[in-house]
Amino acid sequence: MGSMEGKSGLVTGAASGIGRATAVRAAAEGASVLVSDLESAREGGEETVAIIRKAGGTAEFQVCDVAQPADHDALVAGVLERWGRLDFAHNNAGVGGGGKLLADIADEEFDRVIAINLRGVFLGMKRQIRAMLAGGGGSIVNTASNAGLRGVRRLAPYTAAKHGLVGLTKNAAVEYAEDLIRVNAVAPGTIMTGFARGASPERLAQIMKPQALQRIGEPEEVAAAVVWLMSDDASFVTGVTLPVDAGSVAGW
């Protein structure tokens, strides 16, 4: 019996990176997973499903643009229609950005990052919580960042969004604890995703400088923490933002 045996839920931004790794890990632990991402990432999302099914797991793909409320409605409904209940949700979809000092950032760029990384999670959590209230409980894990726990130069919109996400996580945790809904977040450091692959060696060195462990993390290392938080093994844990960051927020 895996730690997620008999549970069903969703993962956003699951066409690659941390989202894919979480969906694969959750399915390997026995969960039925609705894999979601943008229409433009459908190929990657369906590849995630194929990986899960090849290993004997249960998964399907559904498009979701997290900035669109109706897509969240459809995503939660998709889990309920397929498997009858929503036990877990990993709100992982997000965008990066940055590279500029705060005063040089375009208004539109700030709005875009907030709309996806913060408002998008809010929109998802509203609908997920309603379904979990009806189902008698559940677990939500949001992907924050070590930029949600400290300032990061030239990442003002991202840092603001992730700090807001940490606050949303805490609020939901205290508001719905008695309804048996746990809400936590993970705060990854430098992980080998699209951003890290596209960054220059100099930029990577700059980002990794505060880390105690001087290496880039793998998506699977974050997924292990996410799935633990979603599982009943973490039944006494709520309102936490767990750094998975090679010690970067511990001090240097």
Protein backbone atom coordinates (compact mmCIF):
# COMPACT_ATOMS: atom_id res chain seq x y z
CA MET A 1 0.00 0.00 0.00
CA GLY A 2 1.43 3.36 -1.02
CA SER A 3 1.05 6.51 1.04
CA MET A 4 -1.54 7.88 -1.43
CA GLU A 5 -3.46 4.64 -2.04
CA GLY A 6 -7.10 5.26 -2.94
CA LYS A 7 -6.77 9.04 -3.10
CA SER A 8 -7.59 11.21 -6.10
CA GLY A 9 -6.61 14.74 -6.96
CA LEU A 10 -4.97 17.20 -9.30
CA VAL A 11 -1.63 18.75 -10.11
CA THR A 12 -1.32 22.00 -12.06
CA GLY A 13 1.68 22.82 -14.20
CA ALA A 14 2.28 19.09 -14.55
CA ALA A 15 3.60 18.97 -18.12
CA SER A 16 7.17 19.16 -16.83
CA GLY A 17 9.41 19.90 -13.88
CA ILE A 18 8.13 19.78 -10.31
CA GLY A 19 4.51 19.28 -11.40
CA ARG A 20 5.35 16.26 -13.51
CA ALA A 21 7.55 14.79 -10.81
CA THR A 22 4.77 15.24 -8.23
CA ALA A 23 2.13 13.66 -10.45
CA VAL A 24 4.39 10.68 -11.15
CA ARG A 25 5.31 10.26 -7.48
CA ALA A 26 1.70 10.55 -6.28
CA ALA A 27 0.55 7.98 -8.83
CA ALA A 28 3.38 5.65 -7.84
CA GLU A 29 2.09 5.89 -4.27
CA GLY A 30 -1.36 4.78 -5.42
CA ALA A 31 -3.20 8.02 -6.27
CA SER A 32 -5.37 8.76 -9.28
CA VAL A 33 -4.07 12.01 -10.74
CA LEU A 34 -5.61 14.60 -13.04
CA VAL A 35 -2.60 16.12 -14.78
CA SER A 36 -3.16 19.69 -15.93
CA ASP A 37 -1.35 22.41 -17.83
CA LEU A 38 -1.87 24.92 -20.60
CA GLU A 39 -3.16 23.88 -24.01
CA SER A 40 0.24 24.88 -25.40
CA ALA A 41 1.80 22.32 -23.05
CA ARG A 42 -0.64 19.51 -23.91
CA GLU A 43 2.10 17.34 -25.42
CA GLY A 44 4.10 17.49 -22.20
CA GLY A 45 1.01 16.87 -20.10
CA GLU A 46 0.05 13.82 -22.10
CA GLU A 47 3.63 12.61 -21.83
CA THR A 48 3.32 12.85 -18.04
CA VAL A 49 0.16 10.73 -18.23
CA ALA A 50 1.94 8.20 -20.43
CA ILE A 51 4.80 7.90 -17.92
CA ILE A 52 2.30 7.24 -15.12
CA ARG A 53 0.29 4.70 -17.09
CA LYS A 54 3.39 2.85 -18.25
CA ALA A 55 4.30 2.37 -14.59
CA GLY A 56 0.82 1.00 -13.87
CA GLY A 57 -0.68 4.17 -12.42
CA THR A 58 -3.91 6.05 -13.09
CA ALA A 59 -3.87 9.50 -14.70
CA GLU A 60 -5.61 11.67 -17.26
CA PHE A 61 -4.83 15.07 -18.75
CA GLN A 62 -7.03 18.17 -18.70
CA VAL A 63 -6.20 21.67 -19.89
CA CYS A 64 -6.13 24.41 -17.26
CA ASP A 65 -5.02 28.02 -17.54
CA VAL A 66 -4.73 28.91 -13.86
CA ALA A 67 -5.47 32.58 -14.57
CA GLN A 68 -8.99 31.60 -15.71
CA PRO A 69 -11.63 30.90 -13.03
CA ALA A 70 -13.70 28.72 -15.36
CA ASP A 71 -10.73 26.43 -15.96
CA HIS A 72 -10.44 25.82 -12.22
CA ASP A 73 -14.16 25.01 -12.06
CA ALA A 74 -13.71 22.48 -14.84
CA LEU A 75 -10.56 21.01 -13.30
CA VAL A 76 -12.15 20.28 -9.92
CA ALA A 77 -15.26 18.97 -11.67
CA GLY A 78 -13.02 16.74 -13.77
CA VAL A 79 -11.59 15.03 -10.68
CA LEU A 80 -15.05 14.58 -9.14
CA GLU A 81 -16.54 13.19 -12.35
CA ARG A 82 -13.73 10.69 -12.83
CA TRP A 83 -13.08 9.51 -9.29
CA GLY A 84 -15.81 10.87 -7.05
CA ARG A 85 -13.80 13.00 -4.61
CA LEU A 86 -10.95 15.50 -4.37
CA ASP A 87 -8.47 14.35 -1.73
CA PHE A 88 -5.46 16.43 -2.74
CA ALA A 89 -4.34 19.32 -4.92
CA HIS A 90 -0.89 20.54 -5.80
CA ASN A 91 -1.03 24.13 -7.04
CA ASN A 92 2.25 24.22 -8.87
CA ALA A 93 1.73 26.19 -12.10
CA GLY A 94 3.65 29.45 -12.28
CA VAL A 95 5.91 31.72 -14.27
CA GLY A 96 9.32 33.18 -13.55
CA GLY A 97 10.46 36.51 -14.92
CA GLY A 98 12.78 39.01 -13.41
CA GLY A 99 16.22 40.20 -14.33
CA LYS A 100 15.41 43.85 -13.66
CA LEU A 101 15.54 46.16 -10.68
CA LEU A 102 12.13 47.04 -9.24
CA ALA A 103 11.92 50.54 -10.71
CA ASP A 104 12.61 49.17 -14.21
CA ILE A 105 9.85 46.54 -14.22
CA ALA A 106 6.93 47.21 -16.54
CA ASP A 107 3.53 47.45 -14.88
CA GLU A 108 2.22 44.77 -17.23
CA GLU A 109 4.97 42.33 -16.26
CA PHE A 110 4.19 42.74 -12.56
CA ASP A 111 0.49 42.19 -13.21
CA ARG A 112 1.17 39.05 -15.27
CA VAL A 113 3.30 37.41 -12.59
CA ILE A 114 0.78 38.22 -9.85
CA ALA A 115 -2.13 37.00 -11.99
CA ILE A 116 -0.58 33.57 -12.50
CA ASN A 117 1.56 32.95 -9.41
CA LEU A 118 -0.74 34.42 -6.76
CA ARG A 119 -4.23 35.03 -8.06
CA GLY A 120 -4.11 31.75 -9.98
CA VAL A 121 -3.48 29.83 -6.77
CA PHE A 122 -6.22 31.75 -4.96
CA LEU A 123 -8.68 30.85 -7.72
CA GLY A 124 -7.73 27.19 -7.49
CA MET A 125 -7.79 26.99 -3.69
CA LYS A 126 -11.31 28.45 -3.52
CA ARG A 127 -12.71 25.67 -5.65
CA GLN A 128 -10.56 22.94 -4.17
CA ILE A 129 -11.56 23.87 -0.62
CA ARG A 130 -15.26 23.85 -1.51
CA ALA A 131 -14.93 20.33 -2.94
CA MET A 132 -12.95 19.17 0.09
CA LEU A 133 -15.53 20.62 2.47
CA ALA A 134 -18.18 18.57 0.71
CA GLY A 135 -15.97 15.48 0.79
CA GLY A 136 -14.95 15.63 4.43
CA GLY A 137 -11.40 16.94 4.12
CA GLY A 138 -8.26 16.87 2.02
CA SER A 139 -4.79 18.27 1.57
CA ILE A 140 -3.52 21.17 -0.53
CA VAL A 141 0.13 21.89 -1.23
CA ASN A 142 1.19 25.08 -2.99
CA THR A 143 4.51 25.62 -4.72
CA ALA A 144 6.05 28.74 -3.20
CA SER A 145 9.80 29.40 -3.41
CA ASN A 146 12.69 30.39 -1.23
CA ALA A 147 11.85 33.77 -2.80
CA GLY A 148 8.68 33.56 -0.71
CA LEU A 149 10.79 33.52 2.45
CA ARG A 150 13.41 36.15 1.68
CA GLY A 151 14.16 38.86 -0.85
CA VAL A 152 15.86 37.94 -4.12
CA ARG A 153 17.50 40.67 -6.16
CA ARG A 154 15.96 41.35 -9.58
CA LEU A 155 12.93 39.15 -8.87
CA ALA A 156 10.54 41.67 -7.31
CA PRO A 157 7.26 40.50 -8.95
CA TYR A 158 8.07 36.82 -8.35
CA THR A 159 9.16 37.50 -4.78
CA ALA A 160 6.01 39.49 -4.06
CA ALA A 161 3.79 36.77 -5.52
CA LYS A 162 5.48 33.98 -3.59
CA HIS A 163 5.37 35.92 -0.30
CA GLY A 164 1.65 36.39 -0.94
CA LEU A 165 1.30 32.68 -1.63
CA VAL A 166 2.88 31.86 1.73
CA GLY A 167 0.32 34.14 3.38
CA LEU A 168 -2.58 32.50 1.53
CA THR A 169 -1.32 29.12 2.64
CA LYS A 170 -1.24 30.13 6.29
CA ASN A 171 -4.66 31.74 6.18
CA ALA A 172 -6.32 28.75 4.55
CA ALA A 173 -4.60 26.41 7.00
CA VAL A 174 -5.99 28.16 10.08
CA GLU A 175 -9.41 28.79 8.57
CA TYR A 176 -10.09 25.20 7.53
CA ALA A 177 -8.18 23.05 10.02
CA GLU A 178 -11.34 22.03 11.86
CA ASP A 179 -12.81 20.92 8.53
CA LEU A 180 -9.93 18.44 8.18
CA ILE A 181 -8.35 20.35 5.31
CA ARG A 182 -4.60 20.75 5.61
CA VAL A 183 -2.86 23.45 3.59
CA ASN A 184 0.92 23.63 3.25
CA ALA A 185 3.54 24.89 0.81
CA VAL A 186 6.98 23.93 -0.37
CA ALA A 187 9.68 26.51 -1.00
CA PRO A 188 12.10 25.12 -3.59
CA GLY A 189 15.55 26.53 -4.13
CA THR A 190 17.40 26.18 -7.43
CA ILE A 191 15.82 23.19 -9.18
CA MET A 192 16.68 21.71 -12.57
CA THR A 193 13.62 22.97 -14.42
CA GLY A 194 13.26 25.11 -17.55
CA PHE A 195 14.51 28.23 -15.77
CA ALA A 196 17.72 26.59 -14.55
CA ARG A 197 18.37 24.99 -17.92
CA GLY A 198 18.07 28.36 -19.64
CA ALA A 199 20.13 30.39 -17.18
CA SER A 200 23.74 31.28 -17.79
CA PRO A 201 26.40 29.66 -15.59
CA GLU A 202 27.01 33.07 -14.03
CA ARG A 203 23.33 33.52 -13.14
CA LEU A 204 23.11 30.01 -11.71
CA ALA A 205 26.20 30.63 -9.58
CA GLN A 206 24.63 33.85 -8.29
CA ILE A 207 21.36 32.11 -7.40
CA MET A 208 23.07 29.17 -5.72
CA LYS A 209 25.47 31.32 -3.71
CA PRO A 210 23.31 31.34 -0.53
CA GLN A 211 22.85 27.54 -0.61
CA ALA A 212 24.65 25.36 1.91
CA LEU A 213 24.60 22.50 -0.62
CA GLN A 214 26.24 23.82 -3.76
CA ARG A 215 24.31 21.91 -6.39
CA ILE A 216 21.10 22.19 -8.35
CA GLY A 217 18.19 20.17 -7.00
CA GLU A 218 16.09 17.74 -9.01
CA PRO A 219 12.30 18.04 -9.42
CA GLU A 220 11.91 14.61 -7.82
CA GLU A 221 13.48 15.92 -4.61
CA VAL A 222 10.73 18.53 -4.33
CA ALA A 223 8.05 16.04 -5.35
CA ALA A 224 9.02 13.77 -2.47
CA ALA A 225 8.28 16.59 -0.03
CA VAL A 226 5.02 17.54 -1.77
CA VAL A 227 3.66 13.99 -1.77
CA TRP A 228 4.61 13.54 1.88
CA LEU A 229 2.71 16.72 2.77
CA MET A 230 -0.32 15.54 0.76
CA SER A 231 -0.31 12.12 2.38
CA ASP A 232 -1.68 11.02 5.74
CA ASP A 233 1.93 10.63 6.92
CA ALA A 234 1.82 14.42 7.42
CA SER A 235 -1.55 14.36 9.20
CA PHE A 236 -0.36 16.70 11.99
CA VAL A 237 1.25 19.24 9.65
CA THR A 238 -0.60 22.30 8.38
CA GLY A 239 0.25 25.94 7.71
CA VAL A 240 3.88 25.11 7.00
CA THR A 241 6.08 26.40 4.19
CA LEU A 242 8.74 23.72 3.90
CA PRO A 243 12.03 24.84 2.33
CA VAL A 244 13.43 22.32 -0.13
CA ASP A 245 16.31 24.59 -0.95
CA ALA A 246 19.70 23.16 -0.01
CA GLY A 247 19.77 25.37 3.08
CA SER A 248 19.53 28.72 1.31
CA VAL A 249 17.16 30.32 3.83
CA ALA A 250 19.00 28.90 6.84
CA GLY A 251 21.68 31.60 6.57
CA TRP A 252 25.10 32.07 5.03
